[in-house]
Amino acid sequence: MTKFEKLKEKLLTRPKDMRFEDVSTLLRNYGFENARTKGSHFIFTDNKSVISIPVHNNTVKRIYLEKIIKILNMEG
């Protein structure tokens, strides 16, 4: 199982929070790029969707993980 597949599985377990580095890796593998950063908010886009992710203590909270799952059509 690749690192990307493990990260995908971890995201789908809907953890309380997740490391920003892991979230960023997932988004980049799905074609998103960091369009800009303003303060603690990272704006990712793939020319169709835009998601703003606030990062504090190098973690992303569950509510934003849920939004990522929805945008990536990973819901089961």
PDB file of N, CA and C in Angstrom:
ATOM      1  N   MET A   1       0.845  -1.165   0.000  1.00  0.00           N
ATOM      2  CA  MET A   1       0.000   0.000   0.000  1.00  0.00           C
ATOM      3  C   MET A   1       0.902   1.244   0.000  1.00  0.00           C
ATOM      4  N   THR A   2       0.621   2.179  -0.884  1.00  0.00           N
ATOM      5  CA  THR A   2       1.452   3.374  -1.007  1.00  0.00           C
ATOM      6  C   THR A   2       1.124   4.385   0.094  1.00  0.00           C
ATOM      7  N   LYS A   3       2.012   5.353   0.271  1.00  0.00           N
ATOM      8  CA  LYS A   3       1.796   6.400   1.275  1.00  0.00           C
ATOM      9  C   LYS A   3       0.507   7.156   0.969  1.00  0.00           C
ATOM     10  N   PHE A   4       0.262   7.426  -0.317  1.00  0.00           N
ATOM     11  CA  PHE A   4      -0.938   8.142  -0.721  1.00  0.00           C
ATOM     12  C   PHE A   4      -2.197   7.372  -0.342  1.00  0.00           C
ATOM     13  N   GLU A   5      -2.196   6.064  -0.568  1.00  0.00           N
ATOM     14  CA  GLU A   5      -3.353   5.238  -0.207  1.00  0.00           C
ATOM     15  C   GLU A   5      -3.572   5.223   1.307  1.00  0.00           C
ATOM     16  N   LYS A   6      -2.484   5.196   2.079  1.00  0.00           N
ATOM     17  CA  LYS A   6      -2.603   5.219   3.533  1.00  0.00           C
ATOM     18  C   LYS A   6      -3.188   6.552   4.003  1.00  0.00           C
ATOM     19  N   LEU A   7      -2.746   7.647   3.384  1.00  0.00           N
ATOM     20  CA  LEU A   7      -3.278   8.963   3.749  1.00  0.00           C
ATOM     21  C   LEU A   7      -4.758   9.061   3.410  1.00  0.00           C
ATOM     22  N   LYS A   8      -5.130   8.490   2.259  1.00  0.00           N
ATOM     23  CA  LYS A   8      -6.532   8.499   1.847  1.00  0.00           C
ATOM     24  C   LYS A   8      -7.388   7.725   2.853  1.00  0.00           C
ATOM     25  N   GLU A   9      -6.915   6.567   3.270  1.00  0.00           N
ATOM     26  CA  GLU A   9      -7.647   5.765   4.253  1.00  0.00           C
ATOM     27  C   GLU A   9      -7.764   6.499   5.582  1.00  0.00           C
ATOM     28  N   LYS A  10      -6.677   7.158   5.988  1.00  0.00           N
ATOM     29  CA  LYS A  10      -6.700   7.906   7.242  1.00  0.00           C
ATOM     30  C   LYS A  10      -7.736   9.027   7.168  1.00  0.00           C
ATOM     31  N   LEU A  11      -7.790   9.743   6.045  1.00  0.00           N
ATOM     32  CA  LEU A  11      -8.757  10.821   5.870  1.00  0.00           C
ATOM     33  C   LEU A  11     -10.181  10.282   5.967  1.00  0.00           C
ATOM     34  N   LEU A  12     -10.427   9.139   5.383  1.00  0.00           N
ATOM     35  CA  LEU A  12     -11.773   8.565   5.376  1.00  0.00           C
ATOM     36  C   LEU A  12     -12.226   8.046   6.740  1.00  0.00           C
ATOM     37  N   THR A  13     -11.297   7.886   7.681  1.00  0.00           N
ATOM     38  CA  THR A  13     -11.685   7.504   9.041  1.00  0.00           C
ATOM     39  C   THR A  13     -12.189   8.713   9.817  1.00  0.00           C
ATOM     40  N   ARG A  14     -12.099   9.886   9.192  1.00  0.00           N
ATOM     41  CA  ARG A  14     -12.554  11.159   9.775  1.00  0.00           C
ATOM     42  C   ARG A  14     -11.951  11.399  11.163  1.00  0.00           C
ATOM     43  N   PRO A  15     -10.603  11.533  11.210  1.00  0.00           N
ATOM     44  CA  PRO A  15      -9.961  11.776  12.502  1.00  0.00           C
ATOM     45  C   PRO A  15     -10.296  13.161  13.046  1.00  0.00           C
ATOM     46  N   LYS A  16     -10.006  13.387  14.313  1.00  0.00           N
ATOM     47  CA  LYS A  16     -10.277  14.676  14.957  1.00  0.00           C
ATOM     48  C   LYS A  16      -9.495  15.794  14.263  1.00  0.00           C
ATOM     49  N   ASP A  17      -8.258  15.488  13.905  1.00  0.00           N
ATOM     50  CA  ASP A  17      -7.444  16.419  13.135  1.00  0.00           C
ATOM     51  C   ASP A  17      -6.376  15.624  12.387  1.00  0.00           C
ATOM     52  N   MET A  18      -5.697  16.305  11.469  1.00  0.00           N
ATOM     53  CA  MET A  18      -4.701  15.640  10.628  1.00  0.00           C
ATOM     54  C   MET A  18      -3.577  16.629  10.358  1.00  0.00           C
ATOM     55  N   ARG A  19      -2.378  16.128  10.213  1.00  0.00           N
ATOM     56  CA  ARG A  19      -1.246  17.011   9.937  1.00  0.00           C
ATOM     57  C   ARG A  19      -1.443  17.732   8.602  1.00  0.00           C
ATOM     58  N   PHE A  20      -1.079  19.014   8.569  1.00  0.00           N
ATOM     59  CA  PHE A  20      -1.241  19.806   7.358  1.00  0.00           C
ATOM     60  C   PHE A  20      -0.419  19.227   6.211  1.00  0.00           C
ATOM     61  N   GLU A  21       0.759  18.741   6.497  1.00  0.00           N
ATOM     62  CA  GLU A  21       1.623  18.164   5.457  1.00  0.00           C
ATOM     63  C   GLU A  21       0.918  17.004   4.750  1.00  0.00           C
ATOM     64  N   ASP A  22       0.225  16.172   5.517  1.00  0.00           N
ATOM     65  CA  ASP A  22      -0.496  15.037   4.934  1.00  0.00           C
ATOM     66  C   ASP A  22      -1.681  15.502   4.088  1.00  0.00           C
ATOM     67  N   VAL A  23      -2.409  16.499   4.583  1.00  0.00           N
ATOM     68  CA  VAL A  23      -3.549  17.042   3.840  1.00  0.00           C
ATOM     69  C   VAL A  23      -3.063  17.669   2.536  1.00  0.00           C
ATOM     70  N   SER A  24      -1.974  18.409   2.610  1.00  0.00           N
ATOM     71  CA  SER A  24      -1.403  19.049   1.428  1.00  0.00           C
ATOM     72  C   SER A  24      -0.977  18.006   0.392  1.00  0.00           C
ATOM     73  N   THR A  25      -0.361  16.926   0.852  1.00  0.00           N
ATOM     74  CA  THR A  25       0.054  15.838  -0.053  1.00  0.00           C
ATOM     75  C   THR A  25      -1.156  15.237  -0.753  1.00  0.00           C
ATOM     76  N   LEU A  26      -2.222  14.985  -0.007  1.00  0.00           N
ATOM     77  CA  LEU A  26      -3.443  14.430  -0.594  1.00  0.00           C
ATOM     78  C   LEU A  26      -4.011  15.361  -1.661  1.00  0.00           C
ATOM     79  N   LEU A  27      -4.141  16.636  -1.319  1.00  0.00           N
ATOM     80  CA  LEU A  27      -4.718  17.593  -2.264  1.00  0.00           C
ATOM     81  C   LEU A  27      -3.869  17.703  -3.529  1.00  0.00           C
ATOM     82  N   ARG A  28      -2.560  17.731  -3.374  1.00  0.00           N
ATOM     83  CA  ARG A  28      -1.671  17.828  -4.548  1.00  0.00           C
ATOM     84  C   ARG A  28      -1.815  16.599  -5.450  1.00  0.00           C
ATOM     85  N   ASN A  29      -1.993  15.425  -4.841  1.00  0.00           N
ATOM     86  CA  ASN A  29      -2.176  14.210  -5.642  1.00  0.00           C
ATOM     87  C   ASN A  29      -3.499  14.211  -6.394  1.00  0.00           C
ATOM     88  N   TYR A  30      -4.459  14.992  -5.931  1.00  0.00           N
ATOM     89  CA  TYR A  30      -5.740  15.119  -6.616  1.00  0.00           C
ATOM     90  C   TYR A  30      -5.758  16.319  -7.564  1.00  0.00           C
ATOM     91  N   GLY A  31      -4.609  16.937  -7.803  1.00  0.00           N
ATOM     92  CA  GLY A  31      -4.513  18.011  -8.778  1.00  0.00           C
ATOM     93  C   GLY A  31      -4.692  19.411  -8.226  1.00  0.00           C
ATOM     94  N   PHE A  32      -4.788  19.556  -6.917  1.00  0.00           N
ATOM     95  CA  PHE A  32      -4.910  20.878  -6.320  1.00  0.00           C
ATOM     96  C   PHE A  32      -3.527  21.490  -6.149  1.00  0.00           C
ATOM     97  N   GLU A  33      -3.479  22.813  -6.152  1.00  0.00           N
ATOM     98  CA  GLU A  33      -2.228  23.492  -5.850  1.00  0.00           C
ATOM     99  C   GLU A  33      -2.516  24.636  -4.895  1.00  0.00           C
ATOM    100  N   ASN A  34      -1.497  25.003  -4.138  1.00  0.00           N
ATOM    101  CA  ASN A  34      -1.641  26.096  -3.181  1.00  0.00           C
ATOM    102  C   ASN A  34      -1.606  27.404  -3.961  1.00  0.00           C
ATOM    103  N   ALA A  35      -2.775  27.986  -4.180  1.00  0.00           N
ATOM    104  CA  ALA A  35      -2.878  29.214  -4.964  1.00  0.00           C
ATOM    105  C   ALA A  35      -2.274  30.390  -4.213  1.00  0.00           C
ATOM    106  N   ARG A  36      -2.518  30.442  -2.907  1.00  0.00           N
ATOM    107  CA  ARG A  36      -1.935  31.510  -2.094  1.00  0.00           C
ATOM    108  C   ARG A  36      -2.107  31.177  -0.621  1.00  0.00           C
ATOM    109  N   THR A  37      -1.383  31.922   0.182  1.00  0.00           N
ATOM    110  CA  THR A  37      -1.467  31.779   1.627  1.00  0.00           C
ATOM    111  C   THR A  37      -1.622  33.165   2.217  1.00  0.00           C
ATOM    112  N   LYS A  38      -2.573  33.305   3.107  1.00  0.00           N
ATOM    113  CA  LYS A  38      -2.777  34.583   3.773  1.00  0.00           C
ATOM    114  C   LYS A  38      -2.909  34.304   5.266  1.00  0.00           C
ATOM    115  N   GLY A  39      -1.886  34.644   6.004  1.00  0.00           N
ATOM    116  CA  GLY A  39      -1.876  34.338   7.439  1.00  0.00           C
ATOM    117  C   GLY A  39      -1.824  32.841   7.654  1.00  0.00           C
ATOM    118  N   SER A  40      -2.798  32.325   8.387  1.00  0.00           N
ATOM    119  CA  SER A  40      -2.821  30.887   8.659  1.00  0.00           C
ATOM    120  C   SER A  40      -3.729  30.134   7.690  1.00  0.00           C
ATOM    121  N   HIS A  41      -4.277  30.831   6.678  1.00  0.00           N
ATOM    122  CA  HIS A  41      -5.190  30.200   5.727  1.00  0.00           C
ATOM    123  C   HIS A  41      -4.470  29.869   4.418  1.00  0.00           C
ATOM    124  N   PHE A  42      -4.542  28.608   4.047  1.00  0.00           N
ATOM    125  CA  PHE A  42      -3.970  28.140   2.794  1.00  0.00           C
ATOM    126  C   PHE A  42      -5.121  27.937   1.817  1.00  0.00           C
ATOM    127  N   ILE A  43      -5.024  28.553   0.641  1.00  0.00           N
ATOM    128  CA  ILE A  43      -6.081  28.453  -0.361  1.00  0.00           C
ATOM    129  C   ILE A  43      -5.602  27.488  -1.447  1.00  0.00           C
ATOM    130  N   PHE A  44      -6.327  26.374  -1.606  1.00  0.00           N
ATOM    131  CA  PHE A  44      -6.008  25.380  -2.621  1.00  0.00           C
ATOM    132  C   PHE A  44      -7.063  25.436  -3.723  1.00  0.00           C
ATOM    133  N   THR A  45      -6.624  25.283  -4.968  1.00  0.00           N
ATOM    134  CA  THR A  45      -7.556  25.288  -6.093  1.00  0.00           C
ATOM    135  C   THR A  45      -7.128  24.276  -7.156  1.00  0.00           C
ATOM    136  N   ASP A  46      -8.114  23.807  -7.912  1.00  0.00           N
ATOM    137  CA  ASP A  46      -7.839  22.917  -9.049  1.00  0.00           C
ATOM    138  C   ASP A  46      -8.559  23.427 -10.295  1.00  0.00           C
ATOM    139  N   ASN A  47      -8.819  24.724 -10.374  1.00  0.00           N
ATOM    140  CA  ASN A  47      -9.520  25.399 -11.476  1.00  0.00           C
ATOM    141  C   ASN A  47     -11.012  25.105 -11.514  1.00  0.00           C
ATOM    142  N   LYS A  48     -11.510  24.201 -10.683  1.00  0.00           N
ATOM    143  CA  LYS A  48     -12.941  23.933 -10.569  1.00  0.00           C
ATOM    144  C   LYS A  48     -13.427  24.227  -9.166  1.00  0.00           C
ATOM    145  N   SER A  49     -12.628  23.861  -8.193  1.00  0.00           N
ATOM    146  CA  SER A  49     -12.991  24.009  -6.787  1.00  0.00           C
ATOM    147  C   SER A  49     -11.931  24.813  -6.049  1.00  0.00           C
ATOM    148  N   VAL A  50     -12.382  25.485  -5.008  1.00  0.00           N
ATOM    149  CA  VAL A  50     -11.472  26.240  -4.147  1.00  0.00           C
ATOM    150  C   VAL A  50     -11.784  25.860  -2.713  1.00  0.00           C
ATOM    151  N   ILE A  51     -10.754  25.616  -1.927  1.00  0.00           N
ATOM    152  CA  ILE A  51     -10.950  25.340  -0.506  1.00  0.00           C
ATOM    153  C   ILE A  51      -9.922  26.120   0.297  1.00  0.00           C
ATOM    154  N   SER A  52     -10.407  26.784   1.328  1.00  0.00           N
ATOM    155  CA  SER A  52      -9.558  27.532   2.242  1.00  0.00           C
ATOM    156  C   SER A  52      -9.384  26.691   3.500  1.00  0.00           C
ATOM    157  N   ILE A  53      -8.142  26.438   3.870  1.00  0.00           N
ATOM    158  CA  ILE A  53      -7.863  25.589   5.020  1.00  0.00           C
ATOM    159  C   ILE A  53      -7.052  26.365   6.051  1.00  0.00           C
ATOM    160  N   PRO A  54      -7.659  26.665   7.201  1.00  0.00           N
ATOM    161  CA  PRO A  54      -6.882  27.301   8.269  1.00  0.00           C
ATOM    162  C   PRO A  54      -6.014  26.258   8.977  1.00  0.00           C
ATOM    163  N   VAL A  55      -4.772  26.616   9.216  1.00  0.00           N
ATOM    164  CA  VAL A  55      -3.834  25.687   9.842  1.00  0.00           C
ATOM    165  C   VAL A  55      -3.306  26.313  11.125  1.00  0.00           C
ATOM    166  N   HIS A  56      -3.515  25.626  12.232  1.00  0.00           N
ATOM    167  CA  HIS A  56      -3.001  26.066  13.524  1.00  0.00           C
ATOM    168  C   HIS A  56      -2.294  24.884  14.164  1.00  0.00           C
ATOM    169  N   ASN A  57      -1.123  25.123  14.696  1.00  0.00           N
ATOM    170  CA  ASN A  57      -0.301  24.067  15.298  1.00  0.00           C
ATOM    171  C   ASN A  57      -0.042  22.932  14.310  1.00  0.00           C
ATOM    172  N   ASN A  58       0.093  23.277  13.039  1.00  0.00           N
ATOM    173  CA  ASN A  58       0.397  22.319  11.971  1.00  0.00           C
ATOM    174  C   ASN A  58      -0.676  21.241  11.812  1.00  0.00           C
ATOM    175  N   THR A  59      -1.918  21.536  12.221  1.00  0.00           N
ATOM    176  CA  THR A  59      -2.995  20.564  12.058  1.00  0.00           C
ATOM    177  C   THR A  59      -4.203  21.186  11.376  1.00  0.00           C
ATOM    178  N   VAL A  60      -4.989  20.317  10.747  1.00  0.00           N
ATOM    179  CA  VAL A  60      -6.231  20.704  10.082  1.00  0.00           C
ATOM    180  C   VAL A  60      -7.362  20.016  10.835  1.00  0.00           C
ATOM    181  N   LYS A  61      -8.362  20.768  11.229  1.00  0.00           N
ATOM    182  CA  LYS A  61      -9.482  20.247  12.016  1.00  0.00           C
ATOM    183  C   LYS A  61     -10.440  19.399  11.176  1.00  0.00           C
ATOM    184  N   ARG A  62     -11.218  18.582  11.872  1.00  0.00           N
ATOM    185  CA  ARG A  62     -12.140  17.634  11.240  1.00  0.00           C
ATOM    186  C   ARG A  62     -13.132  18.306  10.285  1.00  0.00           C
ATOM    187  N   ILE A  63     -13.648  19.477  10.625  1.00  0.00           N
ATOM    188  CA  ILE A  63     -14.640  20.123   9.767  1.00  0.00           C
ATOM    189  C   ILE A  63     -14.069  20.396   8.372  1.00  0.00           C
ATOM    190  N   TYR A  64     -12.788  20.736   8.294  1.00  0.00           N
ATOM    191  CA  TYR A  64     -12.160  20.990   6.998  1.00  0.00           C
ATOM    192  C   TYR A  64     -11.828  19.678   6.289  1.00  0.00           C
ATOM    193  N   LEU A  65     -11.544  18.643   7.072  1.00  0.00           N
ATOM    194  CA  LEU A  65     -11.320  17.327   6.475  1.00  0.00           C
ATOM    195  C   LEU A  65     -12.614  16.839   5.820  1.00  0.00           C
ATOM    196  N   GLU A  66     -13.753  17.098   6.471  1.00  0.00           N
ATOM    197  CA  GLU A  66     -15.058  16.731   5.902  1.00  0.00           C
ATOM    198  C   GLU A  66     -15.288  17.466   4.576  1.00  0.00           C
ATOM    199  N   LYS A  67     -14.922  18.744   4.529  1.00  0.00           N
ATOM    200  CA  LYS A  67     -15.083  19.521   3.297  1.00  0.00           C
ATOM    201  C   LYS A  67     -14.207  18.964   2.180  1.00  0.00           C
ATOM    202  N   ILE A  68     -13.001  18.547   2.531  1.00  0.00           N
ATOM    203  CA  ILE A  68     -12.088  17.965   1.533  1.00  0.00           C
ATOM    204  C   ILE A  68     -12.674  16.669   0.992  1.00  0.00           C
ATOM    205  N   ILE A  69     -13.202  15.822   1.870  1.00  0.00           N
ATOM    206  CA  ILE A  69     -13.817  14.559   1.444  1.00  0.00           C
ATOM    207  C   ILE A  69     -14.950  14.842   0.456  1.00  0.00           C
ATOM    208  N   LYS A  70     -15.750  15.845   0.763  1.00  0.00           N
ATOM    209  CA  LYS A  70     -16.884  16.200  -0.100  1.00  0.00           C
ATOM    210  C   LYS A  70     -16.400  16.720  -1.458  1.00  0.00           C
ATOM    211  N   ILE A  71     -15.418  17.612  -1.454  1.00  0.00           N
ATOM    212  CA  ILE A  71     -14.901  18.186  -2.711  1.00  0.00           C
ATOM    213  C   ILE A  71     -14.268  17.106  -3.585  1.00  0.00           C
ATOM    214  N   LEU A  72     -13.587  16.146  -2.961  1.00  0.00           N
ATOM    215  CA  LEU A  72     -12.906  15.087  -3.710  1.00  0.00           C
ATOM    216  C   LEU A  72     -13.843  13.936  -4.061  1.00  0.00           C
ATOM    217  N   ASN A  73     -15.119  14.055  -3.720  1.00  0.00           N
ATOM    218  CA  ASN A  73     -16.122  13.013  -3.989  1.00  0.00           C
ATOM    219  C   ASN A  73     -15.691  11.667  -3.438  1.00  0.00           C
ATOM    220  N   MET A  74     -15.232  11.666  -2.195  1.00  0.00           N
ATOM    221  CA  MET A  74     -14.771  10.437  -1.546  1.00  0.00           C
ATOM    222  C   MET A  74     -15.835   9.878  -0.610  1.00  0.00           C
ATOM    223  N   GLU A  75     -17.011  10.490  -0.563  1.00  0.00           N
ATOM    224  CA  GLU A  75     -18.045  10.027   0.352  1.00  0.00           C
ATOM    225  C   GLU A  75     -18.552   8.658  -0.060  1.00  0.00           C
ATOM    226  N   GLY A  76     -18.836   7.854   0.941  1.00  0.00           N
ATOM    227  CA  GLY A  76     -19.269   6.497   0.661  1.00  0.00           C
ATOM    228  C   GLY A  76     -20.729   6.281   0.672  1.00  0.00           C
TER     229      GLY A  76
END
